[in-house]
Amino acid sequence: MALKPEPTAPFHSVQYALRVLEAVARHTGGVTDVQIARETGLPAVHLALMLLMLRREGYVLQVSDGAYAIGDSLVLLGSGVDRQLALQNKLQETLDRLRDSVGAAVYISRYVDGEVRITQFADSPRTPKVHEWVDFRSAAHASAVGKCLLTQLDQNGRRDHLSRHKIARLTSKTIVNERILFSKLDSQPATVPMLDLQEYAVGTVCAAVPITAGSSVGCLALSLPVEHAHRLRAAAEVLNRKAAPLLLSLAL
């Protein structure tokens, strides 16, 4: 499976976060933000926001003298046998917070062995998940999740997927022409959320942003009932801004 190179805003945030974590890890007795800034070259304002996010996610902690040290989350994610369970729990905590923040059901999806898979989600009675009336694996051309994953594949990867999952009209808004679909995928800016405006299901709107880590293709998505469509773009922007902690968990 060939991937398209596409640096995203969350990706760049993660690169900075990894540099900060490396700096903190080098100082087992703790390190001040002044020293971190010196070692990473990050401006003070950006570093302060980064440290705030890393503290919130449990990757660093602030010790009594104001210095920063490695936090429990980073220790758990680096602990071999327990890493997969720790990662799953960490992602679920982040998804739960994100669900409450955007007021929508949220999902992590991965492209695994040529298939679209929803690997984790967070919903609630007030933010119900989308009804999977057509298998998501067969609806990549219509769903925000599927289209976001397809944007991360090259032309051959997309054609291979659609040769196994034929394009079908799911609603009156579904794109059923492969050339038009590929054109829309190619023109999609990497930093702009992919939208699904009732293309997969009547009554539901969705948005998705890429969370590619290494050779892994993935995305973070949300869904809303169509009566809340006026909130979609604002919620999608929040989703985009908050993708970094999830991508960081996957990158560690």
C-alpha atoms as a PDB file:
ATOM      1  CA  MET A   1       0.000   0.000   0.000  1.00  0.00           C
ATOM      2  CA  ALA A   2       1.560   3.300  -1.093  1.00  0.00           C
ATOM      3  CA  LEU A   3       0.932   6.447   0.907  1.00  0.00           C
ATOM      4  CA  LYS A   4       0.800  10.074  -0.104  1.00  0.00           C
ATOM      5  CA  PRO A   5       3.234  12.313   1.770  1.00  0.00           C
ATOM      6  CA  GLU A   6       1.072  14.864   3.560  1.00  0.00           C
ATOM      7  CA  PRO A   7       2.375  16.856   6.503  1.00  0.00           C
ATOM      8  CA  THR A   8      -0.549  17.976   8.641  1.00  0.00           C
ATOM      9  CA  ALA A   9      -0.891  20.508  11.447  1.00  0.00           C
ATOM     10  CA  PRO A  10      -1.314  17.738  14.076  1.00  0.00           C
ATOM     11  CA  PHE A  11       1.765  16.015  12.607  1.00  0.00           C
ATOM     12  CA  HIS A  12       3.916  19.098  13.128  1.00  0.00           C
ATOM     13  CA  SER A  13       2.574  19.514  16.677  1.00  0.00           C
ATOM     14  CA  VAL A  14       3.576  15.930  17.400  1.00  0.00           C
ATOM     15  CA  GLN A  15       7.104  16.481  16.101  1.00  0.00           C
ATOM     16  CA  TYR A  16       7.463  19.397  18.537  1.00  0.00           C
ATOM     17  CA  ALA A  17       5.951  17.349  21.358  1.00  0.00           C
ATOM     18  CA  LEU A  18       8.414  14.521  20.758  1.00  0.00           C
ATOM     19  CA  ARG A  19      11.296  16.986  20.899  1.00  0.00           C
ATOM     20  CA  VAL A  20      10.019  18.308  24.234  1.00  0.00           C
ATOM     21  CA  LEU A  21       9.603  14.780  25.629  1.00  0.00           C
ATOM     22  CA  GLU A  22      13.122  13.867  24.520  1.00  0.00           C
ATOM     23  CA  ALA A  23      14.456  16.932  26.327  1.00  0.00           C
ATOM     24  CA  VAL A  24      12.545  16.085  29.512  1.00  0.00           C
ATOM     25  CA  ALA A  25      13.660  12.441  29.362  1.00  0.00           C
ATOM     26  CA  ARG A  26      17.317  13.493  29.228  1.00  0.00           C
ATOM     27  CA  HIS A  27      17.005  15.102  32.667  1.00  0.00           C
ATOM     28  CA  THR A  28      15.993  12.400  35.141  1.00  0.00           C
ATOM     29  CA  GLY A  29      15.922  14.886  38.015  1.00  0.00           C
ATOM     30  CA  GLY A  30      13.600  17.291  36.220  1.00  0.00           C
ATOM     31  CA  VAL A  31      14.200  20.211  33.849  1.00  0.00           C
ATOM     32  CA  THR A  32      12.910  23.791  33.720  1.00  0.00           C
ATOM     33  CA  ASP A  33      10.944  25.249  30.831  1.00  0.00           C
ATOM     34  CA  VAL A  34      13.856  27.653  30.202  1.00  0.00           C
ATOM     35  CA  GLN A  35      16.208  24.709  29.671  1.00  0.00           C
ATOM     36  CA  ILE A  36      13.642  22.874  27.508  1.00  0.00           C
ATOM     37  CA  ALA A  37      13.283  25.974  25.329  1.00  0.00           C
ATOM     38  CA  ARG A  38      17.064  26.178  25.008  1.00  0.00           C
ATOM     39  CA  GLU A  39      17.390  22.543  23.972  1.00  0.00           C
ATOM     40  CA  THR A  40      14.409  22.413  21.594  1.00  0.00           C
ATOM     41  CA  GLY A  41      14.549  25.912  20.140  1.00  0.00           C
ATOM     42  CA  LEU A  42      10.800  26.327  20.635  1.00  0.00           C
ATOM     43  CA  PRO A  43       9.502  29.865  21.329  1.00  0.00           C
ATOM     44  CA  ALA A  44       8.315  30.368  24.901  1.00  0.00           C
ATOM     45  CA  VAL A  45       4.648  30.841  23.907  1.00  0.00           C
ATOM     46  CA  HIS A  46       4.551  27.630  21.835  1.00  0.00           C
ATOM     47  CA  LEU A  47       6.427  25.704  24.515  1.00  0.00           C
ATOM     48  CA  ALA A  48       3.993  26.823  27.227  1.00  0.00           C
ATOM     49  CA  LEU A  49       1.027  25.517  25.188  1.00  0.00           C
ATOM     50  CA  MET A  50       2.866  22.285  24.432  1.00  0.00           C
ATOM     51  CA  LEU A  51       3.727  21.688  28.093  1.00  0.00           C
ATOM     52  CA  LEU A  52       0.118  22.382  29.049  1.00  0.00           C
ATOM     53  CA  MET A  53      -1.091  19.707  26.613  1.00  0.00           C
ATOM     54  CA  LEU A  54       1.583  17.228  27.738  1.00  0.00           C
ATOM     55  CA  ARG A  55       0.648  17.768  31.392  1.00  0.00           C
ATOM     56  CA  ARG A  56      -3.054  17.335  30.637  1.00  0.00           C
ATOM     57  CA  GLU A  57      -2.334  14.068  28.831  1.00  0.00           C
ATOM     58  CA  GLY A  58      -0.088  12.788  31.644  1.00  0.00           C
ATOM     59  CA  TYR A  59       3.085  12.668  29.530  1.00  0.00           C
ATOM     60  CA  VAL A  60       4.928  15.098  31.801  1.00  0.00           C
ATOM     61  CA  LEU A  61       4.363  16.273  35.354  1.00  0.00           C
ATOM     62  CA  GLN A  62       5.478  19.379  37.163  1.00  0.00           C
ATOM     63  CA  VAL A  63       7.500  18.651  40.286  1.00  0.00           C
ATOM     64  CA  SER A  64       7.643  20.845  43.382  1.00  0.00           C
ATOM     65  CA  ASP A  65      10.428  23.156  42.206  1.00  0.00           C
ATOM     66  CA  GLY A  66       8.595  23.952  38.957  1.00  0.00           C
ATOM     67  CA  ALA A  67      10.697  21.652  36.836  1.00  0.00           C
ATOM     68  CA  TYR A  68       9.186  19.068  34.499  1.00  0.00           C
ATOM     69  CA  ALA A  69       9.654  15.297  34.638  1.00  0.00           C
ATOM     70  CA  ILE A  70       8.344  12.300  32.691  1.00  0.00           C
ATOM     71  CA  GLY A  71       4.730  11.416  33.576  1.00  0.00           C
ATOM     72  CA  ASP A  72       2.946   8.122  34.162  1.00  0.00           C
ATOM     73  CA  SER A  73       1.317   7.965  30.712  1.00  0.00           C
ATOM     74  CA  LEU A  74       4.680   8.020  28.962  1.00  0.00           C
ATOM     75  CA  VAL A  75       6.029   5.340  31.310  1.00  0.00           C
ATOM     76  CA  LEU A  76       3.018   3.090  30.609  1.00  0.00           C
ATOM     77  CA  LEU A  77       3.168   3.557  26.838  1.00  0.00           C
ATOM     78  CA  GLY A  78       6.792   2.500  26.874  1.00  0.00           C
ATOM     79  CA  SER A  79       6.266  -0.591  29.025  1.00  0.00           C
ATOM     80  CA  GLY A  80       6.435  -3.451  26.544  1.00  0.00           C
ATOM     81  CA  VAL A  81       3.796  -6.100  27.279  1.00  0.00           C
ATOM     82  CA  ASP A  82       1.327  -3.634  28.781  1.00  0.00           C
ATOM     83  CA  ARG A  83       1.740  -1.059  26.008  1.00  0.00           C
ATOM     84  CA  GLN A  84      -1.211  -2.112  23.841  1.00  0.00           C
ATOM     85  CA  LEU A  85      -3.685  -2.030  26.729  1.00  0.00           C
ATOM     86  CA  ALA A  86      -2.204   1.228  27.997  1.00  0.00           C
ATOM     87  CA  LEU A  87      -2.492   2.751  24.529  1.00  0.00           C
ATOM     88  CA  GLN A  88      -6.098   1.617  24.142  1.00  0.00           C
ATOM     89  CA  ASN A  89      -7.010   3.060  27.533  1.00  0.00           C
ATOM     90  CA  LYS A  90      -5.165   6.300  26.804  1.00  0.00           C
ATOM     91  CA  LEU A  91      -6.894   6.732  23.441  1.00  0.00           C
ATOM     92  CA  GLN A  92     -10.296   6.019  25.022  1.00  0.00           C
ATOM     93  CA  GLU A  93      -9.744   8.654  27.713  1.00  0.00           C
ATOM     94  CA  THR A  94      -8.822  11.186  25.043  1.00  0.00           C
ATOM     95  CA  LEU A  95     -11.824  10.238  22.905  1.00  0.00           C
ATOM     96  CA  ASP A  96     -14.192  10.579  25.868  1.00  0.00           C
ATOM     97  CA  ARG A  97     -12.895  14.086  26.587  1.00  0.00           C
ATOM     98  CA  LEU A  98     -13.079  15.001  22.916  1.00  0.00           C
ATOM     99  CA  ARG A  99     -16.688  13.737  22.673  1.00  0.00           C
ATOM    100  CA  ASP A 100     -17.671  16.023  25.535  1.00  0.00           C
ATOM    101  CA  SER A 101     -15.668  18.931  24.109  1.00  0.00           C
ATOM    102  CA  VAL A 102     -17.228  18.858  20.627  1.00  0.00           C
ATOM    103  CA  GLY A 103     -20.662  17.547  21.668  1.00  0.00           C
ATOM    104  CA  ALA A 104     -20.575  14.738  19.125  1.00  0.00           C
ATOM    105  CA  ALA A 105     -19.766  11.053  18.807  1.00  0.00           C
ATOM    106  CA  VAL A 106     -16.093  10.639  17.877  1.00  0.00           C
ATOM    107  CA  TYR A 107     -14.199   7.800  16.228  1.00  0.00           C
ATOM    108  CA  ILE A 108     -10.704   6.548  15.453  1.00  0.00           C
ATOM    109  CA  SER A 109     -10.487   4.723  12.160  1.00  0.00           C
ATOM    110  CA  ARG A 110      -7.528   2.884  10.607  1.00  0.00           C
ATOM    111  CA  TYR A 111      -6.889   1.468   7.153  1.00  0.00           C
ATOM    112  CA  VAL A 112      -5.762  -2.082   7.943  1.00  0.00           C
ATOM    113  CA  ASP A 113      -5.044  -4.791   5.359  1.00  0.00           C
ATOM    114  CA  GLY A 114      -6.924  -2.865   2.691  1.00  0.00           C
ATOM    115  CA  GLU A 115     -10.038  -2.295   4.805  1.00  0.00           C
ATOM    116  CA  VAL A 116     -11.645   0.618   6.639  1.00  0.00           C
ATOM    117  CA  ARG A 117     -11.934  -0.211  10.325  1.00  0.00           C
ATOM    118  CA  ILE A 118     -13.399   1.806  13.199  1.00  0.00           C
ATOM    119  CA  THR A 119     -11.011   0.791  15.969  1.00  0.00           C
ATOM    120  CA  GLN A 120     -12.395   2.907  18.843  1.00  0.00           C
ATOM    121  CA  PHE A 121     -15.207   5.359  19.437  1.00  0.00           C
ATOM    122  CA  ALA A 122     -16.853   7.399  22.161  1.00  0.00           C
ATOM    123  CA  ASP A 123     -20.577   8.115  22.164  1.00  0.00           C
ATOM    124  CA  SER A 124     -23.321   8.758  24.708  1.00  0.00           C
ATOM    125  CA  PRO A 125     -27.118   8.987  24.818  1.00  0.00           C
ATOM    126  CA  ARG A 126     -26.802  12.701  23.977  1.00  0.00           C
ATOM    127  CA  THR A 127     -24.205  12.093  21.259  1.00  0.00           C
ATOM    128  CA  PRO A 128     -25.235   8.826  19.551  1.00  0.00           C
ATOM    129  CA  LYS A 129     -22.895   7.193  17.043  1.00  0.00           C
ATOM    130  CA  VAL A 130     -23.911   6.954  13.416  1.00  0.00           C
ATOM    131  CA  HIS A 131     -26.123   4.018  12.466  1.00  0.00           C
ATOM    132  CA  GLU A 132     -23.997   1.701  10.305  1.00  0.00           C
ATOM    133  CA  TRP A 133     -26.730   0.910   7.801  1.00  0.00           C
ATOM    134  CA  VAL A 134     -24.132   0.011   5.157  1.00  0.00           C
ATOM    135  CA  ASP A 135     -20.869  -1.665   6.219  1.00  0.00           C
ATOM    136  CA  PHE A 136     -18.261   1.089   6.572  1.00  0.00           C
ATOM    137  CA  ARG A 137     -15.812  -1.142   4.703  1.00  0.00           C
ATOM    138  CA  SER A 138     -18.014  -0.832   1.618  1.00  0.00           C
ATOM    139  CA  ALA A 139     -18.720   2.883   1.950  1.00  0.00           C
ATOM    140  CA  ALA A 140     -15.302   4.553   1.853  1.00  0.00           C
ATOM    141  CA  HIS A 141     -16.368   6.620  -1.170  1.00  0.00           C
ATOM    142  CA  ALA A 142     -19.243   8.169   0.781  1.00  0.00           C
ATOM    143  CA  SER A 143     -18.236   8.511   4.441  1.00  0.00           C
ATOM    144  CA  ALA A 144     -15.971  11.212   5.865  1.00  0.00           C
ATOM    145  CA  VAL A 145     -13.899   8.463   7.497  1.00  0.00           C
ATOM    146  CA  GLY A 146     -13.486   6.545   4.250  1.00  0.00           C
ATOM    147  CA  LYS A 147     -12.708   9.589   2.127  1.00  0.00           C
ATOM    148  CA  CYS A 148     -10.170  10.825   4.682  1.00  0.00           C
ATOM    149  CA  LEU A 149      -8.423   7.446   4.579  1.00  0.00           C
ATOM    150  CA  LEU A 150      -8.522   7.341   0.771  1.00  0.00           C
ATOM    151  CA  THR A 151      -6.859  10.768   0.563  1.00  0.00           C
ATOM    152  CA  GLN A 152      -3.846   9.200   2.284  1.00  0.00           C
ATOM    153  CA  LEU A 153      -3.476   6.494  -0.386  1.00  0.00           C
ATOM    154  CA  ASP A 154      -1.974   6.979  -3.810  1.00  0.00           C
ATOM    155  CA  GLN A 155      -3.989   6.469  -7.010  1.00  0.00           C
ATOM    156  CA  ASN A 156      -3.171   2.755  -7.213  1.00  0.00           C
ATOM    157  CA  GLY A 157      -4.144   2.232  -3.589  1.00  0.00           C
ATOM    158  CA  ARG A 158      -7.471   3.951  -4.157  1.00  0.00           C
ATOM    159  CA  ARG A 159      -8.187   2.003  -7.328  1.00  0.00           C
ATOM    160  CA  ASP A 160      -7.337  -1.249  -5.573  1.00  0.00           C
ATOM    161  CA  HIS A 161      -9.787  -0.400  -2.787  1.00  0.00           C
ATOM    162  CA  LEU A 162     -12.591   0.542  -5.171  1.00  0.00           C
ATOM    163  CA  SER A 163     -12.001  -2.563  -7.270  1.00  0.00           C
ATOM    164  CA  ARG A 164     -12.903  -4.585  -4.173  1.00  0.00           C
ATOM    165  CA  HIS A 165     -15.635  -2.242  -2.917  1.00  0.00           C
ATOM    166  CA  LYS A 166     -17.607  -0.925  -5.856  1.00  0.00           C
ATOM    167  CA  ILE A 167     -18.938   2.630  -5.701  1.00  0.00           C
ATOM    168  CA  ALA A 168     -22.656   2.568  -4.909  1.00  0.00           C
ATOM    169  CA  ARG A 169     -25.216   5.356  -4.516  1.00  0.00           C
ATOM    170  CA  LEU A 170     -26.171   5.402  -0.832  1.00  0.00           C
ATOM    171  CA  THR A 171     -28.060   8.710  -0.876  1.00  0.00           C
ATOM    172  CA  SER A 172     -28.888  11.333  -3.490  1.00  0.00           C
ATOM    173  CA  LYS A 173     -25.695  13.190  -2.441  1.00  0.00           C
ATOM    174  CA  THR A 174     -23.274  10.259  -2.870  1.00  0.00           C
ATOM    175  CA  ILE A 175     -20.540  10.781  -5.474  1.00  0.00           C
ATOM    176  CA  VAL A 176     -20.697   7.759  -7.772  1.00  0.00           C
ATOM    177  CA  ASN A 177     -18.246   8.895 -10.479  1.00  0.00           C
ATOM    178  CA  GLU A 178     -14.708   7.697  -9.749  1.00  0.00           C
ATOM    179  CA  ARG A 179     -13.053  10.550 -11.673  1.00  0.00           C
ATOM    180  CA  ILE A 180     -15.004  13.194  -9.746  1.00  0.00           C
ATOM    181  CA  LEU A 181     -14.330  11.391  -6.464  1.00  0.00           C
ATOM    182  CA  PHE A 182     -10.559  11.231  -7.108  1.00  0.00           C
ATOM    183  CA  SER A 183     -10.540  14.889  -8.153  1.00  0.00           C
ATOM    184  CA  LYS A 184     -12.194  15.879  -4.873  1.00  0.00           C
ATOM    185  CA  LEU A 185      -9.766  13.721  -2.891  1.00  0.00           C
ATOM    186  CA  ASP A 186      -6.762  15.257  -4.678  1.00  0.00           C
ATOM    187  CA  SER A 187      -7.988  18.814  -4.099  1.00  0.00           C
ATOM    188  CA  GLN A 188      -8.623  18.257  -0.380  1.00  0.00           C
ATOM    189  CA  PRO A 189      -6.110  20.317   1.668  1.00  0.00           C
ATOM    190  CA  ALA A 190      -4.338  18.125   4.229  1.00  0.00           C
ATOM    191  CA  THR A 191      -5.094  20.566   7.049  1.00  0.00           C
ATOM    192  CA  VAL A 192      -8.827  20.948   6.255  1.00  0.00           C
ATOM    193  CA  PRO A 193     -11.320  18.430   7.732  1.00  0.00           C
ATOM    194  CA  MET A 194     -13.009  16.083   5.239  1.00  0.00           C
ATOM    195  CA  LEU A 195     -16.791  16.470   5.363  1.00  0.00           C
ATOM    196  CA  ASP A 196     -19.681  14.104   4.628  1.00  0.00           C
ATOM    197  CA  LEU A 197     -22.908  16.049   4.171  1.00  0.00           C
ATOM    198  CA  GLN A 198     -25.448  13.216   4.105  1.00  0.00           C
ATOM    199  CA  GLU A 199     -23.430  11.275   1.508  1.00  0.00           C
ATOM    200  CA  TYR A 200     -23.326   8.111   3.618  1.00  0.00           C
ATOM    201  CA  ALA A 201     -26.673   8.385   5.405  1.00  0.00           C
ATOM    202  CA  VAL A 202     -29.656  10.710   5.200  1.00  0.00           C
ATOM    203  CA  GLY A 203     -29.929  12.575   8.497  1.00  0.00           C
ATOM    204  CA  THR A 204     -26.228  12.438   9.425  1.00  0.00           C
ATOM    205  CA  VAL A 205     -23.268  14.746   8.772  1.00  0.00           C
ATOM    206  CA  CYS A 206     -19.662  13.855   9.567  1.00  0.00           C
ATOM    207  CA  ALA A 207     -16.124  15.242   9.533  1.00  0.00           C
ATOM    208  CA  ALA A 208     -12.709  13.558   9.658  1.00  0.00           C
ATOM    209  CA  VAL A 209      -9.057  14.605   9.942  1.00  0.00           C
ATOM    210  CA  PRO A 210      -5.983  12.456   9.218  1.00  0.00           C
ATOM    211  CA  ILE A 211      -3.870  11.025  12.045  1.00  0.00           C
ATOM    212  CA  THR A 212      -1.180   9.277  10.039  1.00  0.00           C
ATOM    213  CA  ALA A 213       1.668   7.890  12.153  1.00  0.00           C
ATOM    214  CA  GLY A 214       4.565   6.456  10.154  1.00  0.00           C
ATOM    215  CA  SER A 215       3.240   4.001   7.580  1.00  0.00           C
ATOM    216  CA  SER A 216      -0.095   3.700   9.388  1.00  0.00           C
ATOM    217  CA  VAL A 217      -3.099   5.393   7.758  1.00  0.00           C
ATOM    218  CA  GLY A 218      -5.746   6.625  10.164  1.00  0.00           C
ATOM    219  CA  CYS A 219      -8.206   9.374  10.939  1.00  0.00           C
ATOM    220  CA  LEU A 220     -10.155  10.988  13.735  1.00  0.00           C
ATOM    221  CA  ALA A 221     -13.820  11.655  12.990  1.00  0.00           C
ATOM    222  CA  LEU A 222     -17.088  12.915  14.423  1.00  0.00           C
ATOM    223  CA  SER A 223     -20.753  12.576  13.487  1.00  0.00           C
ATOM    224  CA  LEU A 224     -23.788  14.761  14.149  1.00  0.00           C
ATOM    225  CA  PRO A 225     -27.508  14.502  13.407  1.00  0.00           C
ATOM    226  CA  VAL A 226     -28.352  16.719  10.446  1.00  0.00           C
ATOM    227  CA  GLU A 227     -30.354  19.068  12.680  1.00  0.00           C
ATOM    228  CA  HIS A 228     -26.996  20.010  14.234  1.00  0.00           C
ATOM    229  CA  ALA A 229     -25.311  20.522  10.858  1.00  0.00           C
ATOM    230  CA  HIS A 230     -24.780  24.200  11.699  1.00  0.00           C
ATOM    231  CA  ARG A 231     -22.248  23.049  14.330  1.00  0.00           C
ATOM    232  CA  LEU A 232     -20.296  20.758  12.006  1.00  0.00           C
ATOM    233  CA  ARG A 233     -17.573  23.087  10.760  1.00  0.00           C
ATOM    234  CA  ALA A 234     -16.824  24.532  14.199  1.00  0.00           C
ATOM    235  CA  ALA A 235     -16.773  21.031  15.719  1.00  0.00           C
ATOM    236  CA  ALA A 236     -14.508  19.837  12.900  1.00  0.00           C
ATOM    237  CA  GLU A 237     -12.028  22.629  13.622  1.00  0.00           C
ATOM    238  CA  VAL A 238     -11.938  21.619  17.295  1.00  0.00           C
ATOM    239  CA  LEU A 239     -11.387  18.024  16.142  1.00  0.00           C
ATOM    240  CA  ASN A 240      -8.473  19.167  13.982  1.00  0.00           C
ATOM    241  CA  ARG A 241      -6.853  21.151  16.781  1.00  0.00           C
ATOM    242  CA  LYS A 242      -7.186  18.278  19.261  1.00  0.00           C
ATOM    243  CA  ALA A 243      -5.906  15.518  16.977  1.00  0.00           C
ATOM    244  CA  ALA A 244      -2.333  16.021  18.194  1.00  0.00           C
ATOM    245  CA  PRO A 245      -2.695  14.163  21.547  1.00  0.00           C
ATOM    246  CA  LEU A 246      -4.103  11.104  19.757  1.00  0.00           C
ATOM    247  CA  LEU A 247      -1.381  11.167  17.136  1.00  0.00           C
ATOM    248  CA  LEU A 248       1.221  11.576  19.855  1.00  0.00           C
ATOM    249  CA  SER A 249      -0.068   8.454  21.635  1.00  0.00           C
ATOM    250  CA  LEU A 250       0.222   6.501  18.383  1.00  0.00           C
ATOM    251  CA  ALA A 251       3.693   7.859  17.650  1.00  0.00           C
ATOM    252  CA  LEU A 252       5.248   6.946  21.027  1.00  0.00           C
END
